[in-house]
Amino acid sequence: MTSPHGLAINDKLLLASDAAYFSLAAEVVKLDGAHLFVNPKFTEIPAACVVTSVSKVVSDGPFSDWQSMVERSIRDYGFEVSAERWVAFERAKCQTGRMTAYLARDVSRAVGTFCILEHRGYLRLKNLLVHPEARRQGVGERIIREALRLARQMELEGIVAFAVSDGPGEHLYRSAKMTQGGQVIEWRKSGVD
């Protein structure tokens, strides 16, 4: 669970502060199994509409039904939720020449995706996603092996990635024999001390 600088999150409070950041100036909408932070004044900015606090209940049920419900909620606020718009957003990043996107496929369908970005001698994994129906079938580990192959081909030192403590990313990276490079430690001091 490392980042390009060897940092990792080990505290859910840090994640909560990120959610608080996205909720600033936003309407907070409770969805079934998540929260939607949306700022309808900025529908052209993807980060002005963020789904967060997704509960485990979501992964236990039919994901496509839940996803459709979330997309309807987002559309109600005037955000365009099309695959084409997301692809255009990511394509713009790729057109800078700094990021490359890949689609992981089995014989007949897409099963995952990942992006790579060279940074300070390492290959940074971004947007590593495995389709819910393809999880626990080795897709994530195959993606990591491909990223390592690309890093060697580019004569880089290795790969780095970010993961939330105890989340699916951390479990994937540990099973792929990646090691934790560091931690982000959240500092706090009681105002009563």
C-alpha atoms as a PDB file:
ATOM      1  CA  MET A   1       0.000   0.000   0.000  1.00  0.00           C
ATOM      2  CA  THR A   2       2.531   2.513  -1.181  1.00  0.00           C
ATOM      3  CA  SER A   3       2.483   5.727  -3.154  1.00  0.00           C
ATOM      4  CA  PRO A   4       5.159   7.131  -5.450  1.00  0.00           C
ATOM      5  CA  HIS A   5       6.843   8.629  -2.413  1.00  0.00           C
ATOM      6  CA  GLY A   6       6.597   5.483  -0.291  1.00  0.00           C
ATOM      7  CA  LEU A   7       3.574   6.781   1.612  1.00  0.00           C
ATOM      8  CA  ALA A   8       0.505   4.844   2.667  1.00  0.00           C
ATOM      9  CA  ILE A   9      -2.647   5.565   4.595  1.00  0.00           C
ATOM     10  CA  ASN A  10      -2.986   3.688   7.843  1.00  0.00           C
ATOM     11  CA  ASP A  11      -5.782   5.648   9.487  1.00  0.00           C
ATOM     12  CA  LYS A  12      -9.436   5.874   8.510  1.00  0.00           C
ATOM     13  CA  LEU A  13      -9.541   9.409   9.930  1.00  0.00           C
ATOM     14  CA  LEU A  14      -7.351  10.596   7.084  1.00  0.00           C
ATOM     15  CA  LEU A  15      -9.888   9.177   4.645  1.00  0.00           C
ATOM     16  CA  ALA A  16     -12.656  10.883   6.571  1.00  0.00           C
ATOM     17  CA  SER A  17     -10.827  14.199   6.178  1.00  0.00           C
ATOM     18  CA  ASP A  18     -10.717  13.611   2.427  1.00  0.00           C
ATOM     19  CA  ALA A  19     -14.475  13.023   2.447  1.00  0.00           C
ATOM     20  CA  ALA A  20     -14.884  16.236   4.433  1.00  0.00           C
ATOM     21  CA  TYR A  21     -12.843  18.061   1.791  1.00  0.00           C
ATOM     22  CA  PHE A  22     -15.120  16.865  -1.016  1.00  0.00           C
ATOM     23  CA  SER A  23     -18.219  17.730   1.011  1.00  0.00           C
ATOM     24  CA  LEU A  24     -17.203  21.400   1.340  1.00  0.00           C
ATOM     25  CA  ALA A  25     -19.661  23.593  -0.594  1.00  0.00           C
ATOM     26  CA  ALA A  26     -21.411  20.444  -1.785  1.00  0.00           C
ATOM     27  CA  GLU A  27     -24.825  18.999  -1.245  1.00  0.00           C
ATOM     28  CA  VAL A  28     -24.520  15.724   0.637  1.00  0.00           C
ATOM     29  CA  VAL A  29     -26.989  13.140  -0.611  1.00  0.00           C
ATOM     30  CA  LYS A  30     -27.460   9.867   1.262  1.00  0.00           C
ATOM     31  CA  LEU A  31     -27.676   6.981  -1.173  1.00  0.00           C
ATOM     32  CA  ASP A  32     -28.306   3.352  -0.410  1.00  0.00           C
ATOM     33  CA  GLY A  33     -24.863   2.218   0.740  1.00  0.00           C
ATOM     34  CA  ALA A  34     -22.944   5.449   0.073  1.00  0.00           C
ATOM     35  CA  HIS A  35     -22.931   9.238   0.078  1.00  0.00           C
ATOM     36  CA  LEU A  36     -22.937  11.496  -2.954  1.00  0.00           C
ATOM     37  CA  PHE A  37     -21.138  14.836  -2.586  1.00  0.00           C
ATOM     38  CA  VAL A  38     -22.279  17.038  -5.434  1.00  0.00           C
ATOM     39  CA  ASN A  39     -21.821  20.682  -6.289  1.00  0.00           C
ATOM     40  CA  PRO A  40     -24.410  21.424  -8.990  1.00  0.00           C
ATOM     41  CA  LYS A  41     -22.737  24.754  -9.838  1.00  0.00           C
ATOM     42  CA  PHE A  42     -19.746  22.923 -11.309  1.00  0.00           C
ATOM     43  CA  THR A  43     -21.212  20.089 -13.400  1.00  0.00           C
ATOM     44  CA  GLU A  44     -18.346  20.399 -15.893  1.00  0.00           C
ATOM     45  CA  ILE A  45     -15.768  19.382 -13.258  1.00  0.00           C
ATOM     46  CA  PRO A  46     -15.659  15.609 -12.581  1.00  0.00           C
ATOM     47  CA  ALA A  47     -14.356  16.070  -9.023  1.00  0.00           C
ATOM     48  CA  ALA A  48     -17.444  18.174  -8.204  1.00  0.00           C
ATOM     49  CA  CYS A  49     -19.398  14.942  -7.982  1.00  0.00           C
ATOM     50  CA  VAL A  50     -17.905  12.266  -5.742  1.00  0.00           C
ATOM     51  CA  VAL A  51     -19.373   9.040  -4.389  1.00  0.00           C
ATOM     52  CA  THR A  52     -17.849   8.196  -1.021  1.00  0.00           C
ATOM     53  CA  SER A  53     -18.410   6.188   2.155  1.00  0.00           C
ATOM     54  CA  VAL A  54     -19.390   3.137   0.126  1.00  0.00           C
ATOM     55  CA  SER A  55     -20.429   0.406   2.523  1.00  0.00           C
ATOM     56  CA  LYS A  56     -19.617  -3.286   2.323  1.00  0.00           C
ATOM     57  CA  VAL A  57     -23.321  -3.917   1.651  1.00  0.00           C
ATOM     58  CA  VAL A  58     -22.794  -2.570  -1.875  1.00  0.00           C
ATOM     59  CA  SER A  59     -20.217  -5.238  -2.736  1.00  0.00           C
ATOM     60  CA  ASP A  60     -22.493  -7.968  -1.372  1.00  0.00           C
ATOM     61  CA  GLY A  61     -25.418  -7.139  -3.663  1.00  0.00           C
ATOM     62  CA  PRO A  62     -25.972  -6.836  -7.415  1.00  0.00           C
ATOM     63  CA  PHE A  63     -23.451  -4.129  -8.282  1.00  0.00           C
ATOM     64  CA  SER A  64     -24.999  -3.150 -11.620  1.00  0.00           C
ATOM     65  CA  ASP A  65     -28.329  -2.286  -9.936  1.00  0.00           C
ATOM     66  CA  TRP A  66     -26.536  -0.139  -7.369  1.00  0.00           C
ATOM     67  CA  GLN A  67     -24.413   1.528 -10.035  1.00  0.00           C
ATOM     68  CA  SER A  68     -27.540   2.380 -12.071  1.00  0.00           C
ATOM     69  CA  MET A  69     -29.120   3.970  -8.994  1.00  0.00           C
ATOM     70  CA  VAL A  70     -26.002   6.079  -8.370  1.00  0.00           C
ATOM     71  CA  GLU A  71     -25.838   7.161 -12.013  1.00  0.00           C
ATOM     72  CA  ARG A  72     -29.512   8.237 -11.938  1.00  0.00           C
ATOM     73  CA  SER A  73     -28.832  10.291  -8.807  1.00  0.00           C
ATOM     74  CA  ILE A  74     -25.858  11.978 -10.463  1.00  0.00           C
ATOM     75  CA  ARG A  75     -27.821  12.689 -13.648  1.00  0.00           C
ATOM     76  CA  ASP A  76     -30.554  14.336 -11.548  1.00  0.00           C
ATOM     77  CA  TYR A  77     -27.984  17.012 -10.689  1.00  0.00           C
ATOM     78  CA  GLY A  78     -27.062  17.650 -14.299  1.00  0.00           C
ATOM     79  CA  PHE A  79     -23.820  15.691 -14.391  1.00  0.00           C
ATOM     80  CA  GLU A  80     -23.262  13.654 -17.492  1.00  0.00           C
ATOM     81  CA  VAL A  81     -22.452  10.118 -16.428  1.00  0.00           C
ATOM     82  CA  SER A  82     -21.431   8.461 -19.611  1.00  0.00           C
ATOM     83  CA  ALA A  83     -18.550   6.166 -20.310  1.00  0.00           C
ATOM     84  CA  GLU A  84     -17.664   8.470 -23.191  1.00  0.00           C
ATOM     85  CA  ARG A  85     -17.154  11.449 -20.872  1.00  0.00           C
ATOM     86  CA  TRP A  86     -14.959   9.462 -18.491  1.00  0.00           C
ATOM     87  CA  VAL A  87     -12.915   8.120 -21.395  1.00  0.00           C
ATOM     88  CA  ALA A  88     -12.476  11.658 -22.717  1.00  0.00           C
ATOM     89  CA  PHE A  89     -11.306  12.801 -19.278  1.00  0.00           C
ATOM     90  CA  GLU A  90      -8.734   9.994 -19.018  1.00  0.00           C
ATOM     91  CA  ARG A  91      -7.772  10.350 -22.678  1.00  0.00           C
ATOM     92  CA  ALA A  92      -6.895  14.010 -22.039  1.00  0.00           C
ATOM     93  CA  LYS A  93      -4.484  12.842 -19.342  1.00  0.00           C
ATOM     94  CA  CYS A  94      -2.997  10.280 -21.709  1.00  0.00           C
ATOM     95  CA  GLN A  95      -2.600  12.883 -24.458  1.00  0.00           C
ATOM     96  CA  THR A  96      -0.114  14.714 -22.254  1.00  0.00           C
ATOM     97  CA  GLY A  97       2.224  11.807 -22.943  1.00  0.00           C
ATOM     98  CA  ARG A  98       2.716  11.183 -19.217  1.00  0.00           C
ATOM     99  CA  MET A  99       0.030   8.537 -18.639  1.00  0.00           C
ATOM    100  CA  THR A 100      -0.947   5.425 -20.589  1.00  0.00           C
ATOM    101  CA  ALA A 101      -4.208   3.535 -20.067  1.00  0.00           C
ATOM    102  CA  TYR A 102      -4.682  -0.195 -20.580  1.00  0.00           C
ATOM    103  CA  LEU A 103      -7.734  -2.418 -20.765  1.00  0.00           C
ATOM    104  CA  ALA A 104      -7.438  -5.946 -19.352  1.00  0.00           C
ATOM    105  CA  ARG A 105      -9.523  -8.413 -21.343  1.00  0.00           C
ATOM    106  CA  ASP A 106     -10.311 -12.061 -21.252  1.00  0.00           C
ATOM    107  CA  VAL A 107     -11.408 -13.723 -24.480  1.00  0.00           C
ATOM    108  CA  SER A 108     -14.746 -11.962 -24.839  1.00  0.00           C
ATOM    109  CA  ARG A 109     -14.981  -9.020 -22.422  1.00  0.00           C
ATOM    110  CA  ALA A 110     -13.193  -6.314 -20.481  1.00  0.00           C
ATOM    111  CA  VAL A 111     -12.297  -7.511 -16.985  1.00  0.00           C
ATOM    112  CA  GLY A 112     -10.194  -4.641 -15.703  1.00  0.00           C
ATOM    113  CA  THR A 113      -8.221  -1.525 -16.385  1.00  0.00           C
ATOM    114  CA  PHE A 114      -5.102   0.241 -15.203  1.00  0.00           C
ATOM    115  CA  CYS A 115      -3.034   3.269 -16.053  1.00  0.00           C
ATOM    116  CA  ILE A 116       0.697   3.815 -15.733  1.00  0.00           C
ATOM    117  CA  LEU A 117       2.649   6.966 -15.128  1.00  0.00           C
ATOM    118  CA  GLU A 118       6.449   7.122 -14.904  1.00  0.00           C
ATOM    119  CA  HIS A 119       7.477   9.114 -11.860  1.00  0.00           C
ATOM    120  CA  ARG A 120      10.936   9.475 -10.352  1.00  0.00           C
ATOM    121  CA  GLY A 121      12.297   6.196 -11.662  1.00  0.00           C
ATOM    122  CA  TYR A 122       9.222   4.126 -10.852  1.00  0.00           C
ATOM    123  CA  LEU A 123       6.112   3.134 -12.707  1.00  0.00           C
ATOM    124  CA  ARG A 124       3.099   4.439 -10.808  1.00  0.00           C
ATOM    125  CA  LEU A 125      -0.059   2.347 -11.063  1.00  0.00           C
ATOM    126  CA  LYS A 126      -3.238   4.402 -11.298  1.00  0.00           C
ATOM    127  CA  ASN A 127      -6.899   3.457 -11.644  1.00  0.00           C
ATOM    128  CA  LEU A 128      -6.319  -0.271 -11.226  1.00  0.00           C
ATOM    129  CA  LEU A 129      -9.833  -1.691 -11.331  1.00  0.00           C
ATOM    130  CA  VAL A 130     -11.108  -5.227 -11.720  1.00  0.00           C
ATOM    131  CA  HIS A 131     -14.712  -5.821 -12.719  1.00  0.00           C
ATOM    132  CA  PRO A 132     -16.653  -7.244  -9.742  1.00  0.00           C
ATOM    133  CA  GLU A 133     -17.549 -10.391 -11.697  1.00  0.00           C
ATOM    134  CA  ALA A 134     -13.877 -11.021 -12.514  1.00  0.00           C
ATOM    135  CA  ARG A 135     -12.487 -10.601  -9.008  1.00  0.00           C
ATOM    136  CA  ARG A 136     -10.668 -13.419  -7.229  1.00  0.00           C
ATOM    137  CA  GLN A 137      -9.692 -14.906 -10.593  1.00  0.00           C
ATOM    138  CA  GLY A 138      -6.121 -13.614 -10.772  1.00  0.00           C
ATOM    139  CA  VAL A 139      -6.878 -10.582 -12.965  1.00  0.00           C
ATOM    140  CA  GLY A 140      -5.338  -8.092 -10.516  1.00  0.00           C
ATOM    141  CA  GLU A 141      -2.164 -10.139 -10.174  1.00  0.00           C
ATOM    142  CA  ARG A 142      -1.871 -10.446 -13.970  1.00  0.00           C
ATOM    143  CA  ILE A 143      -2.201  -6.654 -14.223  1.00  0.00           C
ATOM    144  CA  ILE A 144       0.605  -6.234 -11.687  1.00  0.00           C
ATOM    145  CA  ARG A 145       2.812  -8.679 -13.611  1.00  0.00           C
ATOM    146  CA  GLU A 146       2.158  -6.691 -16.804  1.00  0.00           C
ATOM    147  CA  ALA A 147       3.004  -3.427 -15.018  1.00  0.00           C
ATOM    148  CA  LEU A 148       6.276  -4.981 -13.802  1.00  0.00           C
ATOM    149  CA  ARG A 149       7.061  -6.105 -17.356  1.00  0.00           C
ATOM    150  CA  LEU A 150       6.447  -2.550 -18.592  1.00  0.00           C
ATOM    151  CA  ALA A 151       8.646  -1.113 -15.826  1.00  0.00           C
ATOM    152  CA  ARG A 152      11.502  -3.461 -16.794  1.00  0.00           C
ATOM    153  CA  GLN A 153      11.020  -2.575 -20.463  1.00  0.00           C
ATOM    154  CA  MET A 154      11.253   1.126 -19.549  1.00  0.00           C
ATOM    155  CA  GLU A 155      14.343   0.380 -17.394  1.00  0.00           C
ATOM    156  CA  LEU A 156      12.629   1.639 -14.235  1.00  0.00           C
ATOM    157  CA  GLU A 157      13.279   0.477 -10.688  1.00  0.00           C
ATOM    158  CA  GLY A 158       9.846  -1.059 -10.169  1.00  0.00           C
ATOM    159  CA  ILE A 159       6.201  -0.238  -9.592  1.00  0.00           C
ATOM    160  CA  VAL A 160       4.445   1.697  -6.851  1.00  0.00           C
ATOM    161  CA  ALA A 161       0.785   2.047  -5.971  1.00  0.00           C
ATOM    162  CA  PHE A 162      -1.497   3.530  -3.378  1.00  0.00           C
ATOM    163  CA  ALA A 163      -4.018   1.537  -1.368  1.00  0.00           C
ATOM    164  CA  VAL A 164      -6.335   2.163   1.524  1.00  0.00           C
ATOM    165  CA  SER A 165      -5.416   0.256   4.667  1.00  0.00           C
ATOM    166  CA  ASP A 166      -7.166  -3.124   4.785  1.00  0.00           C
ATOM    167  CA  GLY A 167      -8.912  -2.485   1.466  1.00  0.00           C
ATOM    168  CA  PRO A 168      -8.976  -4.628  -1.681  1.00  0.00           C
ATOM    169  CA  GLY A 169      -5.917  -2.851  -3.084  1.00  0.00           C
ATOM    170  CA  GLU A 170      -3.822  -3.653  -0.035  1.00  0.00           C
ATOM    171  CA  HIS A 171      -4.888  -7.299  -0.170  1.00  0.00           C
ATOM    172  CA  LEU A 172      -4.060  -7.488  -3.891  1.00  0.00           C
ATOM    173  CA  TYR A 173      -0.647  -5.874  -3.461  1.00  0.00           C
ATOM    174  CA  ARG A 174       0.245  -8.131  -0.542  1.00  0.00           C
ATOM    175  CA  SER A 175      -0.831 -11.249  -2.474  1.00  0.00           C
ATOM    176  CA  ALA A 176       1.365 -10.061  -5.366  1.00  0.00           C
ATOM    177  CA  LYS A 177       4.316  -9.922  -2.913  1.00  0.00           C
ATOM    178  CA  MET A 178       4.594  -6.142  -3.017  1.00  0.00           C
ATOM    179  CA  THR A 179       5.951  -4.595   0.156  1.00  0.00           C
ATOM    180  CA  GLN A 180       4.731  -1.592   2.052  1.00  0.00           C
ATOM    181  CA  GLY A 181       7.051   1.314   1.376  1.00  0.00           C
ATOM    182  CA  GLY A 182       5.917   3.642   4.110  1.00  0.00           C
ATOM    183  CA  GLN A 183       2.978   5.232   5.821  1.00  0.00           C
ATOM    184  CA  VAL A 184       1.197   8.495   6.090  1.00  0.00           C
ATOM    185  CA  ILE A 185       0.698   9.114   9.758  1.00  0.00           C
ATOM    186  CA  GLU A 186      -2.117  11.398  10.773  1.00  0.00           C
ATOM    187  CA  TRP A 187      -1.069  13.774  13.533  1.00  0.00           C
ATOM    188  CA  ARG A 188      -3.525  15.119  16.067  1.00  0.00           C
ATOM    189  CA  LYS A 189      -3.477  16.832  19.424  1.00  0.00           C
ATOM    190  CA  SER A 190      -6.358  17.173  21.786  1.00  0.00           C
ATOM    191  CA  GLY A 191      -7.387  20.734  22.514  1.00  0.00           C
ATOM    192  CA  VAL A 192      -7.966  19.671  26.124  1.00  0.00           C
ATOM    193  CA  ASP A 193      -4.386  18.548  26.874  1.00  0.00           C
END
